[in-house]
Each structure stands twice: as structure tokens, then as C-alpha cells.
Protein backbone atom coordinates (compact mmCIF):
# COMPACT_ATOMS: atom_id res chain seq x y z
CA MET A 1 101.13 148.78 177.47
CA ALA A 2 97.53 149.96 177.19
CA TRP A 3 96.63 153.07 175.34
CA ASN A 4 95.17 154.81 178.43
CA GLU A 5 97.97 153.86 180.84
CA PRO A 6 99.24 156.97 182.61
CA THR A 7 102.90 157.99 182.44
CA GLY A 8 104.69 159.44 185.36
CA GLY A 9 102.57 161.44 187.75
CA SER A 10 100.46 163.00 185.09
CA ASN A 11 96.89 161.93 184.39
CA LYS A 12 97.17 162.56 180.70
CA PRO A 13 96.99 159.50 178.55
CA LYS A 14 100.00 158.52 176.55
CA ASP A 15 99.93 158.87 172.76
CA PRO A 16 99.35 155.41 171.28
CA TRP A 17 101.57 156.24 168.30
CA GLY A 18 104.55 156.84 170.58
CA GLY A 19 104.44 160.62 170.79
CA ASN A 20 104.95 162.43 174.15
CA ASN A 21 103.62 165.87 173.32
CA SER A 22 100.39 166.92 174.93
CA ASN A 23 98.83 168.07 171.70
CA GLN A 24 95.90 165.73 170.71
CA GLY A 25 95.96 166.60 167.00
CA PRO A 26 96.16 164.05 164.20
CA PRO A 27 99.37 161.95 164.03
CA ASP A 28 102.05 162.64 161.50
CA LEU A 29 101.63 160.50 158.30
CA ASP A 30 105.38 159.97 157.89
CA GLU A 31 105.65 158.70 161.41
CA VAL A 32 102.76 156.31 160.90
CA LEU A 33 104.42 154.85 157.76
CA LYS A 34 107.72 154.44 159.57
CA ASN A 35 106.02 152.62 162.46
CA LEU A 36 104.20 150.31 159.98
CA GLN A 37 107.48 149.55 158.21
CA ALA A 38 109.12 148.74 161.50
CA LYS A 39 106.29 146.33 162.43
CA LEU A 40 106.57 144.55 159.07
CA GLN A 41 110.31 144.17 159.54
CA GLY A 42 109.70 142.73 162.96
CA LEU A 43 107.15 140.27 161.51
CA PHE A 44 109.61 138.97 158.88
CA GLY A 45 112.65 138.80 161.19
CA GLY A 46 113.78 142.40 161.42
CA GLY A 47 114.38 143.80 164.96
CA GLY A 48 112.74 147.07 165.99
CA SER A 49 114.79 149.26 168.39
CA GLY A 50 114.38 152.84 169.50
CA SER A 51 112.93 155.06 172.17
CA GLY A 52 109.62 154.91 173.92
CA GLY A 53 107.82 154.84 170.61
CA GLY A 54 109.74 151.67 169.75
CA SER A 55 108.76 149.94 172.96
CA SER A 56 105.11 150.73 172.42
CA SER A 57 105.12 149.38 168.81
CA GLY A 58 106.82 146.19 170.01
CA ALA A 59 103.99 145.70 172.43
CA SER A 60 101.35 145.85 169.68
CA SER A 61 103.23 143.75 167.00
CA PRO A 62 101.77 140.26 167.77
CA ALA A 63 98.16 141.27 167.07
CA PHE A 64 99.14 143.11 163.90
CA SER A 65 101.27 140.18 162.69
CA GLY A 66 98.35 137.75 163.06
CA ALA A 67 96.07 139.99 160.99
CA VAL A 68 98.64 140.21 158.19
CA VAL A 69 99.08 136.46 158.15
CA VAL A 70 95.33 135.96 157.87
CA VAL A 71 95.14 138.44 155.02
CA LEU A 72 97.97 136.75 153.18
CA VAL A 73 96.43 133.33 153.67
CA VAL A 74 93.10 134.56 152.37
CA LEU A 75 94.78 136.10 149.34
CA ALA A 76 96.67 132.89 148.67
CA LEU A 77 93.46 130.86 148.93
CA LEU A 78 91.73 133.21 146.50
CA VAL A 79 94.59 132.95 144.01
CA TRP A 80 94.61 129.16 144.40
CA ALA A 81 90.85 128.97 143.86
CA VAL A 82 91.00 131.20 140.79
CA MET A 83 93.76 129.08 139.31
CA GLY A 84 91.46 126.03 139.44
CA VAL A 85 88.79 127.56 137.16
CA TYR A 86 88.99 126.54 133.46
CA GLN A 87 86.76 126.24 130.39
CA VAL A 88 86.14 122.99 128.48
CA ASP A 89 85.07 123.58 124.86
CA GLN A 90 82.27 121.67 123.16
CA GLN A 91 84.67 119.49 121.16
CA GLN A 92 86.86 118.75 124.18
CA ARG A 93 86.84 116.35 127.10
CA GLY A 94 88.97 116.62 130.23
CA VAL A 95 90.68 113.74 132.03
CA VAL A 96 91.17 114.57 135.73
CA LEU A 97 93.94 112.95 137.76
CA ARG A 98 93.88 113.48 141.54
CA PHE A 99 97.27 112.86 143.11
CA GLY A 100 98.23 110.99 139.91
CA LYS A 101 95.19 108.66 139.94
CA TYR A 102 92.23 108.82 137.58
CA TYR A 103 89.40 110.73 139.21
CA ASP A 104 86.86 111.93 136.62
CA THR A 105 86.15 112.89 132.98
CA VAL A 106 84.77 116.42 132.71
CA GLN A 107 82.29 117.47 130.03
CA PRO A 108 82.08 120.77 128.10
CA GLY A 109 81.39 123.87 130.17
CA LEU A 110 82.94 125.95 132.97
CA GLN A 111 84.74 123.60 135.37
CA TRP A 112 86.77 123.86 138.58
CA ASN A 113 89.32 121.52 140.02
CA PRO A 114 91.71 122.21 142.86
CA PRO A 115 95.12 123.18 141.45
CA ILE A 116 98.19 121.18 142.41
CA ILE A 117 95.90 118.46 143.76
CA ASP A 118 94.23 117.72 140.43
CA ASP A 119 95.89 117.51 137.03
CA VAL A 120 93.51 118.07 134.05
CA THR A 121 94.35 117.00 130.49
CA LEU A 122 92.09 118.45 127.79
CA LEU A 123 91.65 116.45 124.57
CA ASN A 124 89.86 117.34 121.34
CA VAL A 125 87.68 114.28 120.64
CA THR A 126 86.18 115.56 117.34
CA LYS A 127 89.36 116.55 115.49
CA VAL A 128 90.28 114.14 112.70
CA ARG A 129 93.98 113.32 112.90
CA SER A 130 95.99 111.43 110.33
CA ILE A 131 99.24 109.56 109.92
CA SER A 132 101.00 108.38 106.75
CA LEU A 133 103.40 105.54 106.17
CA ARG A 134 105.23 104.07 103.18
CA GLU A 135 106.33 100.44 103.26
CA ILE A 136 108.15 98.06 100.89
CA MET A 137 106.99 94.46 101.31
CA LEU A 138 106.53 91.08 99.67
CA THR A 139 103.27 89.90 98.15
CA GLN A 140 101.88 86.39 98.12
CA ASP A 141 103.50 85.62 94.75
CA GLU A 142 106.91 86.79 96.10
CA ASN A 143 107.03 90.14 94.30
CA ILE A 144 108.15 93.38 95.90
CA VAL A 145 105.74 96.31 96.02
CA GLU A 146 105.82 99.75 97.60
CA VAL A 147 102.61 100.98 99.24
CA GLN A 148 101.82 104.40 100.73
CA LEU A 149 98.98 104.40 103.26
CA SER A 150 97.07 107.17 105.08
CA VAL A 151 95.13 106.54 108.30
CA GLN A 152 92.56 109.01 109.65
CA TYR A 153 91.44 108.62 113.26
CA VAL A 154 89.74 110.35 116.19
CA ILE A 155 90.03 109.96 119.97
CA ASP A 156 87.17 107.72 121.05
CA ASN A 157 88.08 107.07 124.70
CA PRO A 158 90.03 109.93 126.36
CA VAL A 159 90.82 107.92 129.49
CA ASP A 160 92.47 105.08 127.56
CA PHE A 161 94.25 107.56 125.30
CA VAL A 162 95.82 109.35 128.29
CA LEU A 163 96.41 106.52 130.74
CA LYS A 164 96.59 103.09 129.08
CA VAL A 165 99.36 103.65 126.50
CA ARG A 166 102.42 105.85 126.80
CA ASP A 167 102.43 106.98 123.13
CA PRO A 168 99.12 106.04 121.45
CA GLU A 169 99.96 107.60 118.08
CA ARG A 170 103.24 105.70 117.82
CA SER A 171 101.42 102.51 118.76
CA LEU A 172 98.87 103.29 116.02
CA GLN A 173 101.65 103.67 113.45
CA HIS A 174 103.23 100.35 114.42
CA ALA A 175 99.86 98.61 114.31
CA ALA A 176 99.16 100.10 110.86
CA GLN A 177 102.47 98.78 109.55
CA SER A 178 101.70 95.31 110.90
CA ALA A 179 98.16 95.28 109.46
CA LEU A 180 99.37 96.50 106.05
CA ARG A 181 102.07 93.84 105.82
CA HIS A 182 99.63 91.13 106.84
CA VAL A 183 97.06 92.12 104.19
CA VAL A 184 99.53 92.71 101.34
CA GLY A 185 101.35 89.47 102.12
CA GLY A 186 98.15 87.53 101.49
CA ILE A 187 97.35 88.74 97.96
CA SER A 188 99.10 88.88 94.59
CA MET A 189 101.01 91.81 93.16
CA ASN A 190 98.42 92.33 90.44
CA MET A 191 95.71 92.86 93.06
CA VAL A 192 97.88 95.33 94.98
CA LEU A 193 98.66 97.43 91.92
CA THR A 194 95.30 97.38 90.13
CA GLU A 195 91.77 96.59 91.24
CA GLY A 196 92.57 95.34 94.76
CA ARG A 197 93.52 98.69 96.33
CA ALA A 198 90.03 99.45 97.65
CA GLN A 199 89.76 96.02 99.27
CA ILE A 200 93.22 96.44 100.80
CA ALA A 201 92.07 99.66 102.50
CA VAL A 202 88.98 97.92 103.93
CA ASP A 203 90.93 94.94 105.23
CA VAL A 204 93.67 97.11 106.76
CA GLN A 205 91.11 99.30 108.55
CA ARG A 206 89.33 96.28 110.03
CA ARG A 207 92.54 94.60 111.20
CA LEU A 208 94.05 97.87 112.47
CA GLN A 209 90.96 98.58 114.60
CA GLU A 210 91.24 95.12 116.12
CA TYR A 211 94.89 95.75 117.03
CA ILE A 212 94.37 99.14 118.68
CA ASN A 213 91.31 97.87 120.55
CA LEU A 214 93.52 95.11 121.93
CA TYR A 215 96.08 97.73 123.01
CA HIS A 216 93.38 99.95 124.64
CA THR A 217 94.67 103.10 122.93
CA GLY A 218 91.26 104.83 122.91
CA ILE A 219 91.56 105.53 119.14
CA LEU A 220 88.83 105.02 116.55
CA VAL A 221 90.02 104.60 112.95
CA SER A 222 87.63 106.51 110.69
CA LYS A 223 89.19 105.90 107.27
CA VAL A 224 92.13 104.15 105.63
CA THR A 225 93.26 105.16 102.13
CA VAL A 226 95.83 103.53 99.87
CA ASP A 227 97.43 106.63 98.32
CA GLU A 228 99.87 104.85 96.03
CA SER A 229 100.97 101.34 95.16
CA LYS A 230 103.80 100.69 92.74
CA PRO A 231 106.77 98.41 92.21
CA PRO A 232 110.20 99.51 93.43
CA THR A 233 112.08 102.04 91.32
CA GLN A 234 114.73 99.51 90.35
CA VAL A 235 112.23 97.35 88.43
CA GLN A 236 109.87 100.08 87.22
CA ALA A 237 110.87 99.73 83.55
CA ALA A 238 110.32 95.97 83.50
CA PHE A 239 107.03 96.37 85.27
CA ASP A 240 105.90 98.95 82.70
CA ASP A 241 106.59 96.38 79.98
CA VAL A 242 104.51 93.83 81.84
CA ILE A 243 101.66 96.30 82.22
CA LYS A 244 101.80 97.15 78.51
CA ALA A 245 101.73 93.46 77.56
CA ARG A 246 98.76 92.90 79.86
CA GLU A 247 96.93 95.86 78.32
CA ASP A 248 97.62 94.49 74.82
CA GLU A 249 96.27 91.14 75.91
CA GLU A 250 93.11 92.70 77.24
CA ARG A 251 92.73 94.79 74.06
CA VAL A 252 93.03 91.74 71.80
CA GLN A 253 90.59 89.81 73.94
CA ASN A 254 88.11 92.68 73.77
CA GLU A 255 88.46 92.87 69.99
CA ALA A 256 87.93 89.13 69.67
CA GLN A 257 84.93 89.31 71.94
CA ALA A 258 83.50 92.18 69.89
CA TYR A 259 84.00 90.20 66.67
CA ALA A 260 82.36 87.16 68.25
CA ASN A 261 79.47 89.31 69.43
CA GLY A 262 78.99 90.48 65.86
CA VAL A 263 79.44 87.16 64.05
CA VAL A 264 77.67 84.74 66.36
CA PRO A 265 74.29 86.55 66.38
CA GLU A 266 74.50 86.97 62.60
CA ALA A 267 75.20 83.26 62.15
CA ARG A 268 72.40 82.38 64.52
CA GLY A 269 70.09 84.68 62.58
CA GLY A 270 71.10 83.09 59.27
CA ALA A 271 70.55 79.62 60.67
CA GLN A 272 67.16 80.63 62.02
CA ARG A 273 66.27 82.19 58.66
CA GLN A 274 67.17 78.98 56.83
CA ILE A 275 65.11 76.97 59.29
CA GLU A 276 62.15 79.27 58.72
CA GLU A 277 62.60 79.07 54.95
CA ALA A 278 62.76 75.28 55.13
CA ASN A 279 59.62 75.20 57.24
CA ALA A 280 57.89 77.54 54.77
CA TYR A 281 59.00 75.39 51.82
CA LYS A 282 57.76 72.32 53.64
CA GLN A 283 54.39 73.91 54.25
CA GLN A 284 54.25 75.09 50.63
CA VAL A 285 55.04 71.64 49.22
CA ILE A 286 52.53 70.00 51.48
CA ALA A 287 49.89 72.57 50.56
CA ASN A 288 50.62 72.19 46.82
CA ALA A 289 50.49 68.40 47.09
CA GLU A 290 47.24 68.52 48.97
CA GLY A 291 45.83 70.99 46.39
CA GLU A 292 46.93 68.83 43.45
CA ALA A 293 45.50 65.75 45.07
CA GLU A 294 42.20 67.51 45.69
CA ARG A 295 42.17 68.90 42.12
CA PHE A 296 42.85 65.44 40.69
CA THR A 297 40.06 64.00 42.78
CA LYS A 298 37.60 66.60 41.48
CA LEU A 299 38.90 66.16 37.91
CA LEU A 300 38.42 62.41 38.17
CA THR A 301 34.84 62.97 39.20
CA GLU A 302 34.21 65.19 36.18
CA TYR A 303 35.99 62.78 33.85
CA GLN A 304 33.78 59.97 35.02
CA LYS A 305 30.75 62.09 34.15
CA SER A 306 31.89 63.11 30.62
CA PRO A 307 35.18 61.56 29.47
CA ALA A 308 35.31 63.05 25.92
CA VAL A 309 34.77 66.64 27.01
CA THR A 310 37.14 66.33 29.87
CA ARG A 311 39.83 64.76 27.69
CA GLU A 312 39.54 67.56 25.14
CA ARG A 313 39.71 70.16 27.87
CA LEU A 314 42.85 68.62 29.33
CA TYR A 315 44.49 68.60 25.92
CA LEU A 316 43.75 72.22 25.30
CA ASP A 317 45.04 73.21 28.72
CA ALA A 318 48.26 71.30 28.12
CA VAL A 319 48.83 72.89 24.71
CA GLN A 320 48.11 76.34 26.10
CA LYS A 321 50.57 75.80 28.90
CA VAL A 322 53.24 74.67 26.47
CA TYR A 323 52.68 77.56 24.09
CA SER A 324 52.58 80.12 26.90
CA GLU A 325 56.07 79.13 27.99
CA THR A 326 57.77 79.33 24.57
CA SER A 327 58.83 82.29 22.42
CA LYS A 328 58.71 80.48 19.07
CA VAL A 329 55.58 80.37 16.88
CA MET A 330 55.01 77.91 14.02
CA VAL A 331 52.41 78.97 11.43
CA ASP A 332 50.73 76.26 9.33
CA VAL A 333 48.84 77.67 6.35
CA ASP A 334 46.13 75.67 4.72
CA GLY A 335 47.13 74.66 1.22
CA GLY A 336 50.74 75.60 1.77
CA SER A 337 53.61 73.19 1.58
CA ASN A 338 55.80 74.85 4.17
CA MET A 339 55.39 76.04 7.73
CA MET A 340 56.66 79.49 8.61
CA TYR A 341 58.83 80.04 11.72
CA LEU A 342 58.45 83.37 13.48
CA PRO A 343 61.38 84.15 15.87
CA LEU A 344 59.28 85.94 18.45
CA ASP A 345 62.09 85.84 21.01
CA LYS A 346 64.33 87.78 18.63
CA LEU A 347 61.54 90.19 17.93
CA ALA A 348 61.04 90.71 21.65
CA GLU A 349 64.77 91.36 22.20
CA ARG A 350 64.77 93.77 19.27
CA SER A 351 61.79 95.54 20.68
CA GLN A 352 63.56 95.88 24.03
CA ARG A 353 66.65 97.36 22.35
CA THR A 354 64.45 99.68 20.36
CA ASN A 355 62.62 100.82 23.48
CA SER A 356 65.92 101.50 25.23
CA GLY A 357 67.02 103.55 22.20
CA GLY A 358 63.82 105.55 22.06
CA GLY A 359 61.99 103.51 19.29
CA PHE A 360 58.46 102.13 19.21
CA ASP A 361 57.08 99.66 21.74
CA VAL A 362 56.41 96.06 20.78
CA ASN A 363 54.26 94.23 23.24
CA SER A 364 52.20 91.03 23.13
CA SER A 365 49.21 92.67 21.43
CA ASN A 366 51.42 94.11 18.70
CA ILE A 367 53.02 90.73 18.14
CA ARG A 368 49.59 89.16 17.92
CA GLU A 369 48.47 91.70 15.33
CA LEU A 370 51.68 91.18 13.39
CA THR A 371 51.19 87.43 13.45
CA ASN A 372 47.62 87.74 12.17
CA ALA A 373 48.73 90.07 9.40
CA VAL A 374 51.49 87.70 8.33
CA THR A 375 49.10 84.77 8.38
CA GLU A 376 46.56 86.63 6.29
CA GLN A 377 49.23 87.62 3.79
CA LEU A 378 50.42 84.04 3.53
CA ARG A 379 46.89 82.86 2.88
CA ASN A 380 46.46 85.44 0.13
CA ASP A 381 49.74 84.45 -1.45
CA ALA A 382 48.72 80.79 -1.30
CA ALA A 383 45.35 81.58 -2.96
CA VAL A 384 47.07 83.51 -5.75
CA THR A 385 49.45 80.62 -6.33
CA ASP A 386 46.59 78.09 -6.51
CA GLY A 387 44.75 80.31 -9.01
CA ARG A 388 47.70 80.49 -11.30
CA ARG A 389 48.12 76.75 -11.19
CA GLY A 390 44.45 76.25 -12.07
CA GLY A 391 44.69 78.63 -15.06
CA ARG A 392 47.47 76.68 -16.56
């Protein structure tokens, strides 16, 4: 029914809100709310019954119902659109699946993807994750060792990490166990427990990266560390004894090497010194021989010029050399029947003892003076004796 449709025989228009009074004032608010509630109930399955007002509201319900549906749809679309807005941090990457199939990898920033249609998985690709494992295994020389290993890794390929493997971290742990057993099984126990730990970490990291690349896990191993390597607890005491014996062996070897380092250079120095002394003696003997030969040649020349003088000179030199090397003096006095022996060596020793005791000094000049005095006294005594014999 139209709003201006006449009722009965009157020309007055009917009230569109269902009222029949002729007053054209504003409609009652309570009545308006009741009519709106009735229309909503009719839209969602509720039946509207009543008087003339009810018949007029039933006539206008289809247009009102369409407007409400549009409003609700618009609101639902707005909510759906808002739900698709999300923020990707700088250290994150997003893997987008559309209807369960890979669609795109989103970068940091404000992003939007249709909800329900797209499924977005955000991954932190800069965070360093780690796993630890402890394994007991055999070495190459058939000894049992216990090794604790730590693996640090980051997500390098988000798509492979999300889609290619069901549990990438579990696959990484299994691959680390396999790589560790392969490396430890190829070396001796001594290498595992002592200086080979750093090389074990390098080899395990290289082999582990090859394994996870083959599995397409999207993981990049950044560092592998051997935290601890030791024999099993059951044989720890025996192993400590072995370690102590090895340390004693190394200590003795170091002491022997230190002794050798001290003795060998000294012996080499002594040998070199003897060689140098021998060479010096050789040069000295050669030089002396050459000098004597040259002196003899010159002496022969002088002897050929004047034999008597040269012979006398040689005699005097020989006597002087002999007397200079002896400490005994024989005194022959003219006219005397005996020669006097002066023990100059004893006098020299006595003079040394006297000097050490604080007495007077007896040197070569004093001995010479003493000898002259004794000789003069002997000559005087001999003269007196000859005079007495002549008087008789």
C-alpha cells in the first residue's frame, strides 16, 4: 500500500506508520521501535500479525530486509578485509599458501592477504637456534667414547623449511647424529679426547650441511661445537691411569729433549773450540818453523862473512839461555880451590815466604847484589890466605 493511498471515503492520507488518527504530529518513538522489531523478526523467520498497522509494515518489509542484508554483507566484508592485514617484522619472512598451495614469500612490512583463502606462516630467519645431543659410539681403534655436541643453525630457505620436510628440526638432529658417528668412527680415541676435537667439529659441520641440503630442510648450520668428549663412566678410572702414564711419558721425553738441547750444543762448541785450537797451533808451528828457517838462513849468511865472531856470539847466547832458565849459581873464584854453590831457588822461596809474612823483599837485583858481595868477600878471603902462605 502506498503512503498517499486514501482510506475509505476520506481524502486524508493514511499514516505510513500505521496510525489512524488525523493528527499529523511526530510519530511515537515506542511505536517506531516496536514496528522495527517486528520487521526484524519477519526478516529472520518471525511472523508479524496485528491490525492495520501490521498489514502496512508487512507491505514494506521486503525493501527493508534487502537494505539490512546489504549492510550486513558490507560489515562482513570489512571485517574479513581487516582480518587479512598483518605486519611482517624486519627479521621475519612469510610463506603464503593459497588453498594449501605455495603462492608467495612476503618480505618485511605491512602486508595483506585474503583470510581463509590464504594461510601465512611467519618465520624468524635471523634467530640462531641450537640443538644438543650426547652419543656413545665406537672409534676407529674400537674404543668407546661419549661425545656431547651442540649445533647452531638459522633458517636459510623459509619455503623449504615449511613445505619440504614435515619436522625439519628433528631431521636436523638425526642428521647430526649420523654425521657425528661417521666422523668419530674414522679416527682414534686419542684424537677424540685430546687435540682432535676442533677438527671433529669442522668435519661434522661440513658433513651435516651436506645431509640437510640433500633433505631440502632450508636450514643453514652456522656452528658446531664439541662440548665434551670422555670415555664412559665405567672405564673412567682406567682411562685416567692411561692419561697419567701418557703425561709421564711426555714429561720424560721433554726432559730428555731439554737435556739433549743443553748437552749437544755444548759438545759441538767444545769440538769447534778444539778444532780452532788445533788450527791455531798448526798456524803457530808453521809460523815458528818458517821463522826459524829464515833466522837460520840469515845466520848462515853472517857466519859465512865472519865465522869466529858468529861462533862466539852463538856460544854466549846459548850459555845465557841456559843460565836464564836455572835457579842455581856456581861461583868460581880465581886462586881458590873450591867452587861455591849458591841455592838461589831456596833463597827465592825464602824470600816469598818472608814477603807473605811481612818481611823484606828479595828480587833479582837484590840477589845480584848479594852474589857480587859474596864473590868480593871470597876474593878477599882468598887474597888473605895467599898472603899468609907467602909469609911463611
